[in-house]
Amino acid sequence: MDYKILEIENYKFITIPKLNNMGLKNLYTLKPMNLSFNLAKNPKTVRDSIDYCLDIMGISHKTLFTSYQVHSNRIQIINEANEGEIYKYARIFFDTDGLITSNPELVIYSKFADCTPILLFDPIKKVHGNLHSGWKGTLKKIGENGVKMLQNEFNTNPEDIIAVVGPTIGYDDFEVDEDVAIQFRETFPFHSEIMKWDGKKYKIDLLETNKRILRQCGVKDENIIDIPLSTYSTPYMHSYRRDKKNYGLMGLITSMDE
């Protein structure tokens, strides 16, 4: 198994040991931790949770960046610690669903609950991206946009990229109507392999769809790690569809060794 579940005190986390060993610290937060600053009664509790995670990761004295996610394919490259805007507990970019940096003095993180977190790491050029790909972001191919930005801005060879996809809502749990199904049919030539009809609803495999997008960009299959845990059916994960107004958010936190 390419991922490892950690249990520390009363919390659960996921990490990818291979990436830690290659110099990219990474941590996925799970329930009961909630990193939603919109839903938290006190934003300080979110920052306290993140500080707890950074301590687990052995990270200190780094600038934290996040984004206000809007289900787009927009990605922001961060070069310096003074970029973005000061917001509650971190520096932030609004209307953005992905962050990329080659600066080891920065920590970046995205939030998700059913949407697909995508991690991209080029160990040769020493740059990484942290992307939020909901079904709308998947249709807009934010993963492809991330790979192209690494190529264009950092001279990355896609074959060098290590990518991690998931956890996300599972194939059997992501039910949609005809309006969404039409968009997937029109966007992806392989739609018959990632979508099925159960007699009432269409079901779509977001995990496999994002993996195929990355493969088509030149990411080698052996360099794609998936975390095949459905956020909807895994009780220790937050799920917007399952929990509705009581949903929380998980986070993917990443930072390179200095």
Protein backbone atom coordinates (compact mmCIF):
# COMPACT_ATOMS: atom_id res chain seq x y z
CA MET A 1 0.00 0.00 0.00
CA ASP A 2 1.43 3.38 -1.06
CA TYR A 3 -0.25 5.34 1.70
CA LYS A 4 -0.13 5.01 5.46
CA ILE A 5 -2.84 5.78 8.01
CA LEU A 6 -1.50 7.39 11.16
CA GLU A 7 -3.31 7.40 14.50
CA ILE A 8 -1.98 10.05 16.87
CA GLU A 9 -3.80 10.73 20.12
CA ASN A 10 -7.47 11.10 19.08
CA TYR A 11 -6.76 11.93 15.43
CA LYS A 12 -6.29 10.03 12.17
CA PHE A 13 -4.15 11.15 9.25
CA ILE A 14 -2.91 9.78 5.92
CA THR A 15 0.60 10.27 4.58
CA ILE A 16 2.59 9.02 1.57
CA PRO A 17 5.90 7.64 2.93
CA LYS A 18 7.53 7.62 -0.54
CA LEU A 19 7.11 11.38 -0.85
CA ASN A 20 8.33 12.01 2.70
CA ASN A 21 11.46 10.06 1.81
CA MET A 22 11.90 12.11 -1.37
CA GLY A 23 11.77 15.40 0.52
CA LEU A 24 8.09 16.36 0.32
CA LYS A 25 6.34 16.36 3.68
CA ASN A 26 2.67 15.58 3.24
CA LEU A 27 -0.30 15.02 5.52
CA TYR A 28 -4.01 14.47 4.86
CA THR A 29 -6.21 15.37 7.82
CA LEU A 30 -9.27 13.25 8.61
CA LYS A 31 -12.14 13.33 11.12
CA PRO A 32 -12.58 14.52 13.80
CA MET A 33 -10.30 17.39 12.74
CA ASN A 34 -12.19 20.04 10.74
CA LEU A 35 -10.25 22.61 8.70
CA SER A 36 -13.23 24.62 7.48
CA PHE A 37 -12.77 28.24 8.53
CA ASN A 38 -16.33 29.01 7.34
CA LEU A 39 -17.90 26.36 9.55
CA ALA A 40 -15.67 26.69 12.60
CA LYS A 41 -17.15 28.79 15.39
CA ASN A 42 -13.71 30.20 16.07
CA PRO A 43 -11.11 30.44 13.25
CA LYS A 44 -8.41 30.10 15.90
CA THR A 45 -9.41 26.45 16.32
CA VAL A 46 -8.53 25.89 12.64
CA ARG A 47 -5.11 27.48 13.09
CA ASP A 48 -4.56 25.42 16.25
CA SER A 49 -5.38 22.27 14.28
CA ILE A 50 -2.99 23.23 11.50
CA ASP A 51 -0.24 24.02 14.01
CA TYR A 52 -0.81 20.56 15.48
CA CYS A 53 -0.37 19.05 12.00
CA LEU A 54 2.77 21.08 11.30
CA ASP A 55 4.24 19.87 14.59
CA ILE A 56 3.55 16.26 13.56
CA MET A 57 5.23 16.94 10.21
CA GLY A 58 8.26 18.51 11.90
CA ILE A 59 7.65 21.89 10.27
CA SER A 60 8.29 25.23 11.94
CA HIS A 61 8.98 28.84 10.95
CA LYS A 62 7.34 28.56 7.54
CA THR A 63 4.65 30.73 5.95
CA LEU A 64 1.28 29.04 5.46
CA PHE A 65 -0.73 29.54 2.24
CA THR A 66 -4.21 28.39 1.29
CA SER A 67 -6.87 29.43 -1.21
CA TYR A 68 -10.55 30.27 -1.28
CA GLN A 69 -11.76 27.46 -3.53
CA VAL A 70 -14.46 28.08 -6.12
CA HIS A 71 -14.40 24.84 -8.21
CA SER A 72 -12.36 26.41 -11.01
CA ASN A 73 -9.15 25.29 -12.70
CA ARG A 74 -7.22 28.39 -11.65
CA ILE A 75 -3.81 27.76 -10.09
CA GLN A 76 -1.52 30.28 -8.41
CA ILE A 77 2.27 30.03 -8.42
CA ILE A 78 3.76 31.33 -5.16
CA ASN A 79 7.36 32.47 -5.13
CA GLU A 80 7.70 34.56 -1.97
CA ALA A 81 6.26 34.57 1.53
CA ASN A 82 4.70 38.03 1.17
CA GLU A 83 2.38 37.16 -1.72
CA GLY A 84 -1.38 36.77 -1.45
CA GLU A 85 -3.48 38.42 1.25
CA ILE A 86 -3.50 38.03 5.02
CA TYR A 87 -6.65 36.14 6.00
CA LYS A 88 -7.60 34.82 9.46
CA TYR A 89 -4.91 32.17 9.94
CA ALA A 90 -2.92 32.06 6.71
CA ARG A 91 -2.04 33.98 3.57
CA ILE A 92 -4.69 33.34 0.95
CA PHE A 93 -5.47 33.60 -2.74
CA PHE A 94 -9.14 34.09 -3.55
CA ASP A 95 -11.00 32.38 -6.42
CA THR A 96 -8.22 29.82 -6.74
CA ASP A 97 -8.24 26.02 -6.62
CA GLY A 98 -4.56 25.16 -6.81
CA LEU A 99 -1.23 26.34 -5.45
CA ILE A 100 2.26 25.63 -6.80
CA THR A 101 5.59 26.55 -5.24
CA SER A 102 9.28 25.75 -5.44
CA ASN A 103 10.01 27.67 -2.23
CA PRO A 104 10.84 25.28 0.64
CA GLU A 105 10.05 28.02 3.17
CA LEU A 106 6.34 27.80 2.34
CA VAL A 107 3.56 25.43 3.38
CA ILE A 108 0.55 25.06 1.09
CA TYR A 109 -2.72 23.32 1.74
CA SER A 110 -6.05 22.64 0.09
CA LYS A 111 -9.36 21.58 1.62
CA PHE A 112 -11.77 18.90 0.46
CA ALA A 113 -14.85 16.85 1.37
CA ASP A 114 -15.79 14.51 -1.54
CA CYS A 115 -13.76 16.58 -4.03
CA THR A 116 -10.48 15.12 -5.27
CA PRO A 117 -7.18 16.39 -3.85
CA ILE A 118 -4.35 16.12 -6.38
CA LEU A 119 -0.72 16.37 -5.30
CA LEU A 120 1.99 16.92 -7.95
CA PHE A 121 5.70 16.71 -7.10
CA ASP A 122 8.71 17.05 -9.35
CA PRO A 123 11.65 15.74 -7.28
CA ILE A 124 14.11 16.82 -10.00
CA LYS A 125 13.12 20.49 -10.27
CA LYS A 126 12.03 20.60 -6.61
CA VAL A 127 8.55 22.01 -7.10
CA HIS A 128 5.15 20.80 -6.00
CA GLY A 129 1.47 21.58 -6.50
CA ASN A 130 -1.56 21.06 -4.31
CA LEU A 131 -4.85 21.06 -6.27
CA HIS A 132 -8.56 20.86 -5.42
CA SER A 133 -10.51 19.01 -8.14
CA GLY A 134 -14.26 18.77 -7.56
CA TRP A 135 -16.42 17.39 -10.34
CA LYS A 136 -16.47 20.84 -11.92
CA GLY A 137 -12.69 21.16 -11.59
CA THR A 138 -12.34 17.68 -13.06
CA LEU A 139 -14.40 18.72 -16.08
CA LYS A 140 -12.13 21.78 -16.40
CA LYS A 141 -9.08 19.47 -16.10
CA ILE A 142 -7.32 21.28 -13.29
CA GLY A 143 -4.87 18.36 -13.11
CA GLU A 144 -3.85 18.99 -16.72
CA ASN A 145 -3.51 22.69 -15.98
CA GLY A 146 -1.21 21.88 -13.07
CA VAL A 147 1.06 19.67 -15.18
CA LYS A 148 1.25 22.29 -17.94
CA MET A 149 2.17 25.02 -15.45
CA LEU A 150 4.98 22.85 -14.07
CA GLN A 151 6.21 22.32 -17.63
CA ASN A 152 5.95 25.95 -18.71
CA GLU A 153 7.13 27.69 -15.56
CA PHE A 154 9.62 25.20 -14.09
CA ASN A 155 10.72 23.17 -17.13
CA THR A 156 9.34 20.00 -15.58
CA ASN A 157 9.36 16.78 -17.57
CA PRO A 158 5.92 15.17 -16.95
CA GLU A 159 7.60 11.78 -16.74
CA ASP A 160 9.38 12.97 -13.59
CA ILE A 161 6.18 13.97 -11.79
CA ILE A 162 4.97 11.92 -8.84
CA ALA A 163 1.19 12.40 -8.54
CA VAL A 164 -1.18 11.42 -5.75
CA VAL A 165 -4.93 11.32 -6.42
CA GLY A 166 -7.58 11.02 -3.73
CA PRO A 167 -9.19 10.23 -1.37
CA THR A 168 -12.45 11.33 -2.99
CA ILE A 169 -16.08 10.29 -3.24
CA GLY A 170 -16.17 6.75 -4.65
CA TYR A 171 -17.51 5.45 -7.94
CA ASP A 172 -20.56 3.82 -6.34
CA ASP A 173 -21.27 6.86 -4.15
CA PHE A 174 -21.10 9.73 -6.65
CA GLU A 175 -24.56 9.87 -8.18
CA VAL A 176 -25.49 12.53 -10.76
CA ASP A 177 -28.35 13.38 -13.09
CA GLU A 178 -28.37 13.67 -16.86
CA ASP A 179 -27.18 17.29 -16.89
CA VAL A 180 -23.84 16.40 -15.30
CA ALA A 181 -23.54 13.10 -17.20
CA ILE A 182 -23.86 14.98 -20.51
CA GLN A 183 -20.91 17.21 -19.59
CA PHE A 184 -18.71 14.20 -18.81
CA ARG A 185 -19.72 12.51 -22.07
CA GLU A 186 -18.88 15.63 -24.05
CA THR A 187 -15.55 16.23 -22.28
CA PHE A 188 -14.03 12.75 -22.00
CA PRO A 189 -13.78 10.32 -24.96
CA PHE A 190 -13.36 7.51 -22.40
CA HIS A 191 -16.64 8.40 -20.64
CA SER A 192 -18.06 4.87 -21.03
CA GLU A 193 -15.21 3.57 -18.86
CA ILE A 194 -15.66 6.04 -15.99
CA MET A 195 -19.45 6.37 -15.95
CA LYS A 196 -22.32 3.92 -15.48
CA TRP A 197 -26.12 3.99 -15.24
CA ASP A 198 -27.75 2.13 -12.33
CA GLY A 199 -31.32 2.51 -13.55
CA LYS A 200 -31.98 5.68 -11.57
CA LYS A 201 -28.79 7.74 -11.56
CA TYR A 202 -25.46 7.98 -13.34
CA LYS A 203 -22.38 7.18 -11.30
CA ILE A 204 -18.99 8.69 -12.11
CA ASP A 205 -15.50 7.57 -11.12
CA LEU A 206 -13.71 10.82 -10.25
CA LEU A 207 -10.59 9.02 -9.04
CA GLU A 208 -10.05 7.20 -12.34
CA THR A 209 -11.02 10.25 -14.40
CA ASN A 210 -8.33 12.38 -12.76
CA LYS A 211 -5.76 9.61 -13.15
CA ARG A 212 -6.52 9.40 -16.87
CA ILE A 213 -6.21 13.18 -17.24
CA LEU A 214 -2.74 13.00 -15.69
CA ARG A 215 -1.70 10.06 -17.89
CA GLN A 216 -2.76 11.95 -21.01
CA CYS A 217 -0.45 14.79 -19.91
CA GLY A 218 2.53 12.45 -19.83
CA VAL A 219 2.61 11.43 -16.16
CA LYS A 220 3.80 7.83 -16.04
CA ASP A 221 1.30 5.31 -14.70
CA GLU A 222 3.84 3.93 -12.24
CA ASN A 223 4.25 7.45 -10.83
CA ILE A 224 0.55 7.86 -10.05
CA ILE A 225 -0.43 6.90 -6.51
CA ASP A 226 -4.10 6.66 -5.68
CA ILE A 227 -5.82 6.56 -2.31
CA PRO A 228 -8.93 4.48 -3.13
CA LEU A 229 -10.95 5.41 -0.05
CA SER A 230 -14.39 6.88 -0.65
CA THR A 231 -14.98 9.96 1.48
CA TYR A 232 -18.71 9.18 1.44
CA SER A 233 -18.49 5.62 2.74
CA THR A 234 -15.44 5.94 5.00
CA PRO A 235 -16.73 6.95 8.47
CA TYR A 236 -13.54 8.72 9.53
CA MET A 237 -13.69 11.10 6.56
CA HIS A 238 -15.74 14.24 6.02
CA SER A 239 -18.33 14.09 3.23
CA TYR A 240 -20.45 16.95 1.96
CA ARG A 241 -22.98 14.63 0.31
CA ARG A 242 -23.35 12.41 3.34
CA ASP A 243 -23.27 15.00 6.13
CA LYS A 244 -24.93 17.92 4.30
CA LYS A 245 -25.17 21.02 6.54
CA ASN A 246 -23.05 19.30 9.21
CA TYR A 247 -20.14 18.61 6.87
CA GLY A 248 -16.56 19.48 7.72
CA LEU A 249 -13.42 19.75 5.60
CA MET A 250 -10.25 17.68 5.44
CA GLY A 251 -6.96 19.18 4.36
CA LEU A 252 -3.91 18.22 2.32
CA ILE A 253 -0.84 19.95 3.76
CA THR A 254 2.46 19.86 1.87
CA SER A 255 5.91 21.43 2.17
CA MET A 256 9.36 20.60 0.80
CA ASP A 257 12.43 20.00 2.91
CA GLU A 258 14.84 22.92 2.99
